Amino acid sequence: DLNITDVQRIEMPMGSEILTAQMQGDTPVLWALVDIEATKEYRLIEILGTGSPIKSGNRTYISTFQRGGFVGHVFEYIGN
């Protein structure tokens, strides 16, 4: 599950391939292809609403979801 917040740390197995983020019921959810035996790491996930300013840094686009009137664009934040 994702929180609708600017940046959050998500723990997942190393080497996980993030597939998408979509709404599941009333909750935004991130799906990934993972090796459940792999050592865990933290990845930074950023959710930017349409029209929000974007801070500098490198990002990889994951997906866009809608929750009510909110349109959230989900990125993995790589850093500077």
PDB file of N, CA and C in Angstrom:
ATOM      1  N   ASP A   1       0.834  -1.198   0.000  1.00  0.00           N
ATOM      2  CA  ASP A   1       0.000   0.000   0.000  1.00  0.00           C
ATOM      3  C   ASP A   1       0.869   1.249   0.000  1.00  0.00           C
ATOM      4  N   LEU A   2       0.414   2.294  -0.661  1.00  0.00           N
ATOM      5  CA  LEU A   2       1.118   3.570  -0.688  1.00  0.00           C
ATOM      6  C   LEU A   2       0.326   4.610   0.097  1.00  0.00           C
ATOM      7  N   ASN A   3       1.041   5.489   0.745  1.00  0.00           N
ATOM      8  CA  ASN A   3       0.433   6.663   1.350  1.00  0.00           C
ATOM      9  C   ASN A   3       0.447   7.781   0.321  1.00  0.00           C
ATOM     10  N   ILE A   4      -0.574   8.618   0.336  1.00  0.00           N
ATOM     11  CA  ILE A   4      -0.562   9.769  -0.567  1.00  0.00           C
ATOM     12  C   ILE A   4       0.217  10.858   0.143  1.00  0.00           C
ATOM     13  N   THR A   5       1.516  10.853  -0.103  1.00  0.00           N
ATOM     14  CA  THR A   5       2.456  11.794   0.487  1.00  0.00           C
ATOM     15  C   THR A   5       3.570  12.029  -0.521  1.00  0.00           C
ATOM     16  N   ASP A   6       4.335  13.097  -0.343  1.00  0.00           N
ATOM     17  CA  ASP A   6       5.364  13.436  -1.329  1.00  0.00           C
ATOM     18  C   ASP A   6       6.357  12.304  -1.546  1.00  0.00           C
ATOM     19  N   VAL A   7       7.070  11.883  -0.494  1.00  0.00           N
ATOM     20  CA  VAL A   7       8.082  10.837  -0.618  1.00  0.00           C
ATOM     21  C   VAL A   7       7.917   9.842   0.525  1.00  0.00           C
ATOM     22  N   GLN A   8       8.028   8.567   0.190  1.00  0.00           N
ATOM     23  CA  GLN A   8       7.976   7.531   1.217  1.00  0.00           C
ATOM     24  C   GLN A   8       8.996   6.445   0.911  1.00  0.00           C
ATOM     25  N   ARG A   9       9.469   5.811   1.970  1.00  0.00           N
ATOM     26  CA  ARG A   9      10.422   4.716   1.838  1.00  0.00           C
ATOM     27  C   ARG A   9       9.644   3.409   1.872  1.00  0.00           C
ATOM     28  N   ILE A  10       9.869   2.598   0.854  1.00  0.00           N
ATOM     29  CA  ILE A  10       9.203   1.305   0.751  1.00  0.00           C
ATOM     30  C   ILE A  10      10.286   0.230   0.841  1.00  0.00           C
ATOM     31  N   GLU A  11      10.099  -0.710   1.773  1.00  0.00           N
ATOM     32  CA  GLU A  11      11.038  -1.818   1.878  1.00  0.00           C
ATOM     33  C   GLU A  11      10.604  -2.919   0.919  1.00  0.00           C
ATOM     34  N   MET A  12      11.567  -3.396   0.123  1.00  0.00           N
ATOM     35  CA  MET A  12      11.288  -4.487  -0.808  1.00  0.00           C
ATOM     36  C   MET A  12      12.577  -5.259  -1.060  1.00  0.00           C
ATOM     37  N   PRO A  13      12.479  -6.480  -1.567  1.00  0.00           N
ATOM     38  CA  PRO A  13      13.675  -7.251  -1.852  1.00  0.00           C
ATOM     39  C   PRO A  13      14.545  -6.565  -2.914  1.00  0.00           C
ATOM     40  N   MET A  14      15.869  -6.684  -2.751  1.00  0.00           N
ATOM     41  CA  MET A  14      16.800  -6.103  -3.725  1.00  0.00           C
ATOM     42  C   MET A  14      16.518  -6.671  -5.114  1.00  0.00           C
ATOM     43  N   GLY A  15      16.667  -5.817  -6.113  1.00  0.00           N
ATOM     44  CA  GLY A  15      16.455  -6.230  -7.499  1.00  0.00           C
ATOM     45  C   GLY A  15      15.000  -6.302  -7.910  1.00  0.00           C
ATOM     46  N   SER A  16      14.081  -5.875  -7.054  1.00  0.00           N
ATOM     47  CA  SER A  16      12.659  -5.917  -7.404  1.00  0.00           C
ATOM     48  C   SER A  16      12.379  -5.043  -8.617  1.00  0.00           C
ATOM     49  N   GLU A  17      11.534  -5.528  -9.492  1.00  0.00           N
ATOM     50  CA  GLU A  17      11.116  -4.759 -10.674  1.00  0.00           C
ATOM     51  C   GLU A  17       9.734  -4.188 -10.400  1.00  0.00           C
ATOM     52  N   ILE A  18       9.668  -2.872 -10.273  1.00  0.00           N
ATOM     53  CA  ILE A  18       8.377  -2.227 -10.033  1.00  0.00           C
ATOM     54  C   ILE A  18       7.567  -2.285 -11.320  1.00  0.00           C
ATOM     55  N   LEU A  19       6.341  -2.782 -11.207  1.00  0.00           N
ATOM     56  CA  LEU A  19       5.494  -2.971 -12.382  1.00  0.00           C
ATOM     57  C   LEU A  19       4.533  -1.812 -12.597  1.00  0.00           C
ATOM     58  N   THR A  20       3.789  -1.429 -11.560  1.00  0.00           N
ATOM     59  CA  THR A  20       2.794  -0.374 -11.704  1.00  0.00           C
ATOM     60  C   THR A  20       2.300   0.065 -10.333  1.00  0.00           C
ATOM     61  N   ALA A  21       1.554   1.118 -10.314  1.00  0.00           N
ATOM     62  CA  ALA A  21       0.818   1.567  -9.127  1.00  0.00           C
ATOM     63  C   ALA A  21      -0.588   1.909  -9.601  1.00  0.00           C
ATOM     64  N   GLN A  22      -1.580   1.387  -8.910  1.00  0.00           N
ATOM     65  CA  GLN A  22      -2.981   1.599  -9.277  1.00  0.00           C
ATOM     66  C   GLN A  22      -3.804   1.663  -8.003  1.00  0.00           C
ATOM     67  N   MET A  23      -5.031   2.060  -8.144  1.00  0.00           N
ATOM     68  CA  MET A  23      -5.959   2.018  -7.019  1.00  0.00           C
ATOM     69  C   MET A  23      -6.479   0.585  -6.860  1.00  0.00           C
ATOM     70  N   GLN A  24      -6.554   0.145  -5.607  1.00  0.00           N
ATOM     71  CA  GLN A  24      -7.216  -1.118  -5.279  1.00  0.00           C
ATOM     72  C   GLN A  24      -8.239  -0.769  -4.202  1.00  0.00           C
ATOM     73  N   GLY A  25      -9.485  -0.694  -4.603  1.00  0.00           N
ATOM     74  CA  GLY A  25     -10.506  -0.151  -3.713  1.00  0.00           C
ATOM     75  C   GLY A  25     -10.230   1.329  -3.498  1.00  0.00           C
ATOM     76  N   ASP A  26     -10.068   1.744  -2.239  1.00  0.00           N
ATOM     77  CA  ASP A  26      -9.784   3.149  -1.919  1.00  0.00           C
ATOM     78  C   ASP A  26      -8.311   3.415  -1.640  1.00  0.00           C
ATOM     79  N   THR A  27      -7.437   2.440  -1.906  1.00  0.00           N
ATOM     80  CA  THR A  27      -6.031   2.543  -1.533  1.00  0.00           C
ATOM     81  C   THR A  27      -5.123   2.467  -2.752  1.00  0.00           C
ATOM     82  N   PRO A  28      -4.172   3.420  -2.890  1.00  0.00           N
ATOM     83  CA  PRO A  28      -3.175   3.273  -3.937  1.00  0.00           C
ATOM     84  C   PRO A  28      -2.191   2.163  -3.542  1.00  0.00           C
ATOM     85  N   VAL A  29      -1.888   1.280  -4.493  1.00  0.00           N
ATOM     86  CA  VAL A  29      -1.054   0.107  -4.234  1.00  0.00           C
ATOM     87  C   VAL A  29       0.032   0.030  -5.293  1.00  0.00           C
ATOM     88  N   LEU A  30       1.229  -0.388  -4.867  1.00  0.00           N
ATOM     89  CA  LEU A  30       2.379  -0.588  -5.758  1.00  0.00           C
ATOM     90  C   LEU A  30       2.552  -2.083  -5.954  1.00  0.00           C
ATOM     91  N   TRP A  31       2.710  -2.515  -7.191  1.00  0.00           N
ATOM     92  CA  TRP A  31       2.987  -3.918  -7.489  1.00  0.00           C
ATOM     93  C   TRP A  31       4.399  -4.041  -8.044  1.00  0.00           C
ATOM     94  N   ALA A  32       5.064  -5.140  -7.664  1.00  0.00           N
ATOM     95  CA  ALA A  32       6.428  -5.377  -8.131  1.00  0.00           C
ATOM     96  C   ALA A  32       6.665  -6.872  -8.282  1.00  0.00           C
ATOM     97  N   LEU A  33       7.572  -7.215  -9.181  1.00  0.00           N
ATOM     98  CA  LEU A  33       8.044  -8.581  -9.347  1.00  0.00           C
ATOM     99  C   LEU A  33       9.236  -8.730  -8.414  1.00  0.00           C
ATOM    100  N   VAL A  34       9.156  -9.646  -7.444  1.00  0.00           N
ATOM    101  CA  VAL A  34      10.185  -9.716  -6.397  1.00  0.00           C
ATOM    102  C   VAL A  34      10.688 -11.132  -6.200  1.00  0.00           C
ATOM    103  N   ASP A  35      11.892 -11.216  -5.644  1.00  0.00           N
ATOM    104  CA  ASP A  35      12.460 -12.461  -5.151  1.00  0.00           C
ATOM    105  C   ASP A  35      12.341 -12.385  -3.634  1.00  0.00           C
ATOM    106  N   ILE A  36      11.403 -13.118  -3.054  1.00  0.00           N
ATOM    107  CA  ILE A  36      11.137 -12.984  -1.628  1.00  0.00           C
ATOM    108  C   ILE A  36      12.302 -13.460  -0.763  1.00  0.00           C
ATOM    109  N   GLU A  37      13.271 -14.146  -1.357  1.00  0.00           N
ATOM    110  CA  GLU A  37      14.450 -14.613  -0.610  1.00  0.00           C
ATOM    111  C   GLU A  37      15.572 -13.576  -0.601  1.00  0.00           C
ATOM    112  N   ALA A  38      15.470 -12.550  -1.424  1.00  0.00           N
ATOM    113  CA  ALA A  38      16.545 -11.553  -1.556  1.00  0.00           C
ATOM    114  C   ALA A  38      16.608 -10.654  -0.316  1.00  0.00           C
ATOM    115  N   THR A  39      17.799 -10.129  -0.057  1.00  0.00           N
ATOM    116  CA  THR A  39      17.996  -9.156   1.017  1.00  0.00           C
ATOM    117  C   THR A  39      17.127  -7.942   0.755  1.00  0.00           C
ATOM    118  N   LYS A  40      16.612  -7.347   1.795  1.00  0.00           N
ATOM    119  CA  LYS A  40      15.719  -6.181   1.663  1.00  0.00           C
ATOM    120  C   LYS A  40      16.517  -4.887   1.500  1.00  0.00           C
ATOM    121  N   GLU A  41      15.901  -3.951   0.828  1.00  0.00           N
ATOM    122  CA  GLU A  41      16.437  -2.602   0.673  1.00  0.00           C
ATOM    123  C   GLU A  41      15.271  -1.633   0.707  1.00  0.00           C
ATOM    124  N   TYR A  42      15.579  -0.353   0.876  1.00  0.00           N
ATOM    125  CA  TYR A  42      14.552   0.685   0.828  1.00  0.00           C
ATOM    126  C   TYR A  42      14.638   1.397  -0.501  1.00  0.00           C
ATOM    127  N   ARG A  43      13.468   1.670  -1.085  1.00  0.00           N
ATOM    128  CA  ARG A  43      13.377   2.445  -2.308  1.00  0.00           C
ATOM    129  C   ARG A  43      12.484   3.636  -2.001  1.00  0.00           C
ATOM    130  N   LEU A  44      12.790   4.763  -2.638  1.00  0.00           N
ATOM    131  CA  LEU A  44      12.018   5.986  -2.422  1.00  0.00           C
ATOM    132  C   LEU A  44      10.959   6.124  -3.503  1.00  0.00           C
ATOM    133  N   ILE A  45       9.714   6.213  -3.076  1.00  0.00           N
ATOM    134  CA  ILE A  45       8.589   6.379  -3.983  1.00  0.00           C
ATOM    135  C   ILE A  45       8.009   7.773  -3.755  1.00  0.00           C
ATOM    136  N   GLU A  46       7.804   8.484  -4.836  1.00  0.00           N
ATOM    137  CA  GLU A  46       7.318   9.866  -4.776  1.00  0.00           C
ATOM    138  C   GLU A  46       5.972   9.934  -5.493  1.00  0.00           C
ATOM    139  N   ILE A  47       5.017  10.600  -4.864  1.00  0.00           N
ATOM    140  CA  ILE A  47       3.712  10.823  -5.495  1.00  0.00           C
ATOM    141  C   ILE A  47       3.522  12.327  -5.653  1.00  0.00           C
ATOM    142  N   LEU A  48       3.369  12.753  -6.893  1.00  0.00           N
ATOM    143  CA  LEU A  48       3.177  14.169  -7.206  1.00  0.00           C
ATOM    144  C   LEU A  48       1.794  14.364  -7.802  1.00  0.00           C
ATOM    145  N   GLY A  49       1.035  15.266  -7.214  1.00  0.00           N
ATOM    146  CA  GLY A  49      -0.261  15.593  -7.773  1.00  0.00           C
ATOM    147  C   GLY A  49      -0.096  16.438  -9.024  1.00  0.00           C
ATOM    148  N   THR A  50      -1.067  16.350  -9.916  1.00  0.00           N
ATOM    149  CA  THR A  50      -1.029  17.175 -11.122  1.00  0.00           C
ATOM    150  C   THR A  50      -0.894  18.640 -10.723  1.00  0.00           C
ATOM    151  N   GLY A  51       0.052  19.331 -11.330  1.00  0.00           N
ATOM    152  CA  GLY A  51       0.280  20.743 -11.050  1.00  0.00           C
ATOM    153  C   GLY A  51       1.234  21.005  -9.903  1.00  0.00           C
ATOM    154  N   SER A  52       1.677  19.961  -9.199  1.00  0.00           N
ATOM    155  CA  SER A  52       2.619  20.148  -8.090  1.00  0.00           C
ATOM    156  C   SER A  52       4.004  20.494  -8.626  1.00  0.00           C
ATOM    157  N   PRO A  53       4.739  21.344  -7.913  1.00  0.00           N
ATOM    158  CA  PRO A  53       6.113  21.621  -8.331  1.00  0.00           C
ATOM    159  C   PRO A  53       6.975  20.370  -8.158  1.00  0.00           C
ATOM    160  N   ILE A  54       7.961  20.235  -9.027  1.00  0.00           N
ATOM    161  CA  ILE A  54       8.863  19.088  -8.986  1.00  0.00           C
ATOM    162  C   ILE A  54      10.236  19.554  -8.544  1.00  0.00           C
ATOM    163  N   LYS A  55      10.752  18.946  -7.480  1.00  0.00           N
ATOM    164  CA  LYS A  55      12.103  19.251  -7.009  1.00  0.00           C
ATOM    165  C   LYS A  55      13.109  18.620  -7.952  1.00  0.00           C
ATOM    166  N   SER A  56      14.356  19.126  -7.906  1.00  0.00           N
ATOM    167  CA  SER A  56      15.384  18.557  -8.770  1.00  0.00           C
ATOM    168  C   SER A  56      15.674  17.124  -8.345  1.00  0.00           C
ATOM    169  N   GLY A  57      16.244  16.352  -9.215  1.00  0.00           N
ATOM    170  CA  GLY A  57      16.588  14.967  -8.941  1.00  0.00           C
ATOM    171  C   GLY A  57      16.162  14.062 -10.079  1.00  0.00           C
ATOM    172  N   ASN A  58      16.634  12.855 -10.047  1.00  0.00           N
ATOM    173  CA  ASN A  58      16.314  11.874 -11.077  1.00  0.00           C
ATOM    174  C   ASN A  58      15.158  10.994 -10.620  1.00  0.00           C
ATOM    175  N   ARG A  59      14.242  10.722 -11.538  1.00  0.00           N
ATOM    176  CA  ARG A  59      13.068   9.922 -11.253  1.00  0.00           C
ATOM    177  C   ARG A  59      12.796   8.962 -12.400  1.00  0.00           C
ATOM    178  N   THR A  60      12.147   7.864 -12.039  1.00  0.00           N
ATOM    179  CA  THR A  60      11.640   6.934 -13.037  1.00  0.00           C
ATOM    180  C   THR A  60      10.128   6.886 -12.870  1.00  0.00           C
ATOM    181  N   TYR A  61       9.421   7.174 -13.935  1.00  0.00           N
ATOM    182  CA  TYR A  61       7.954   7.169 -13.891  1.00  0.00           C
ATOM    183  C   TYR A  61       7.452   5.744 -13.721  1.00  0.00           C
ATOM    184  N   ILE A  62       6.464   5.572 -12.853  1.00  0.00           N
ATOM    185  CA  ILE A  62       5.855   4.265 -12.629  1.00  0.00           C
ATOM    186  C   ILE A  62       4.438   4.228 -13.196  1.00  0.00           C
ATOM    187  N   SER A  63       3.579   5.165 -12.763  1.00  0.00           N
ATOM    188  CA  SER A  63       2.177   5.119 -13.170  1.00  0.00           C
ATOM    189  C   SER A  63       1.439   6.362 -12.680  1.00  0.00           C
ATOM    190  N   THR A  64       0.201   6.491 -13.104  1.00  0.00           N
ATOM    191  CA  THR A  64      -0.691   7.555 -12.641  1.00  0.00           C
ATOM    192  C   THR A  64      -1.972   6.909 -12.133  1.00  0.00           C
ATOM    193  N   PHE A  65      -2.502   7.444 -11.023  1.00  0.00           N
ATOM    194  CA  PHE A  65      -3.764   6.935 -10.490  1.00  0.00           C
ATOM    195  C   PHE A  65      -4.655   8.109 -10.121  1.00  0.00           C
ATOM    196  N   GLN A  66      -5.951   7.835 -10.002  1.00  0.00           N
ATOM    197  CA  GLN A  66      -6.919   8.839  -9.570  1.00  0.00           C
ATOM    198  C   GLN A  66      -7.620   8.352  -8.317  1.00  0.00           C
ATOM    199  N   ARG A  67      -7.768   9.267  -7.360  1.00  0.00           N
ATOM    200  CA  ARG A  67      -8.524   8.982  -6.136  1.00  0.00           C
ATOM    201  C   ARG A  67      -9.415  10.189  -5.899  1.00  0.00           C
ATOM    202  N   GLY A  68     -10.697  10.025  -6.155  1.00  0.00           N
ATOM    203  CA  GLY A  68     -11.601  11.167  -6.100  1.00  0.00           C
ATOM    204  C   GLY A  68     -11.142  12.190  -7.128  1.00  0.00           C
ATOM    205  N   GLY A  69     -10.973  13.444  -6.707  1.00  0.00           N
ATOM    206  CA  GLY A  69     -10.500  14.491  -7.610  1.00  0.00           C
ATOM    207  C   GLY A  69      -8.986  14.598  -7.678  1.00  0.00           C
ATOM    208  N   PHE A  70      -8.256  13.758  -6.916  1.00  0.00           N
ATOM    209  CA  PHE A  70      -6.794  13.808  -6.900  1.00  0.00           C
ATOM    210  C   PHE A  70      -6.230  12.913  -7.995  1.00  0.00           C
ATOM    211  N   VAL A  71      -5.295  13.463  -8.779  1.00  0.00           N
ATOM    212  CA  VAL A  71      -4.574  12.691  -9.791  1.00  0.00           C
ATOM    213  C   VAL A  71      -3.121  12.629  -9.331  1.00  0.00           C
ATOM    214  N   GLY A  72      -2.649  11.426  -9.003  1.00  0.00           N
ATOM    215  CA  GLY A  72      -1.297  11.242  -8.498  1.00  0.00           C
ATOM    216  C   GLY A  72      -0.410  10.547  -9.511  1.00  0.00           C
ATOM    217  N   HIS A  73       0.774  11.111  -9.709  1.00  0.00           N
ATOM    218  CA  HIS A  73       1.772  10.544 -10.612  1.00  0.00           C
ATOM    219  C   HIS A  73       2.854   9.924  -9.735  1.00  0.00           C
ATOM    220  N   VAL A  74       3.096   8.644  -9.918  1.00  0.00           N
ATOM    221  CA  VAL A  74       3.986   7.887  -9.051  1.00  0.00           C
ATOM    222  C   VAL A  74       5.331   7.707  -9.738  1.00  0.00           C
ATOM    223  N   PHE A  75       6.402   8.040  -9.002  1.00  0.00           N
ATOM    224  CA  PHE A  75       7.772   7.926  -9.502  1.00  0.00           C
ATOM    225  C   PHE A  75       8.626   7.191  -8.480  1.00  0.00           C
ATOM    226  N   GLU A  76       9.670   6.529  -8.959  1.00  0.00           N
ATOM    227  CA  GLU A  76      10.722   6.106  -8.045  1.00  0.00           C
ATOM    228  C   GLU A  76      11.749   7.213  -8.072  1.00  0.00           C
ATOM    229  N   TYR A  77      12.069   7.737  -6.897  1.00  0.00           N
ATOM    230  CA  TYR A  77      13.029   8.828  -6.788  1.00  0.00           C
ATOM    231  C   TYR A  77      14.410   8.217  -6.660  1.00  0.00           C
ATOM    232  N   ILE A  78      15.299   8.562  -7.580  1.00  0.00           N
ATOM    233  CA  ILE A  78      16.643   7.996  -7.609  1.00  0.00           C
ATOM    234  C   ILE A  78      17.634   8.897  -6.878  1.00  0.00           C
ATOM    235  N   GLY A  79      17.361  10.173  -6.824  1.00  0.00           N
ATOM    236  CA  GLY A  79      18.259  11.142  -6.167  1.00  0.00           C
ATOM    237  C   GLY A  79      18.897  12.070  -7.178  1.00  0.00           C
ATOM    238  N   ASN A  80      19.908  12.776  -6.725  1.00  0.00           N
ATOM    239  CA  ASN A  80      20.572  13.755  -7.614  1.00  0.00           C
ATOM    240  C   ASN A  80      21.657  13.131  -8.441  1.00  0.00           C
TER     241      ASN A  80
END
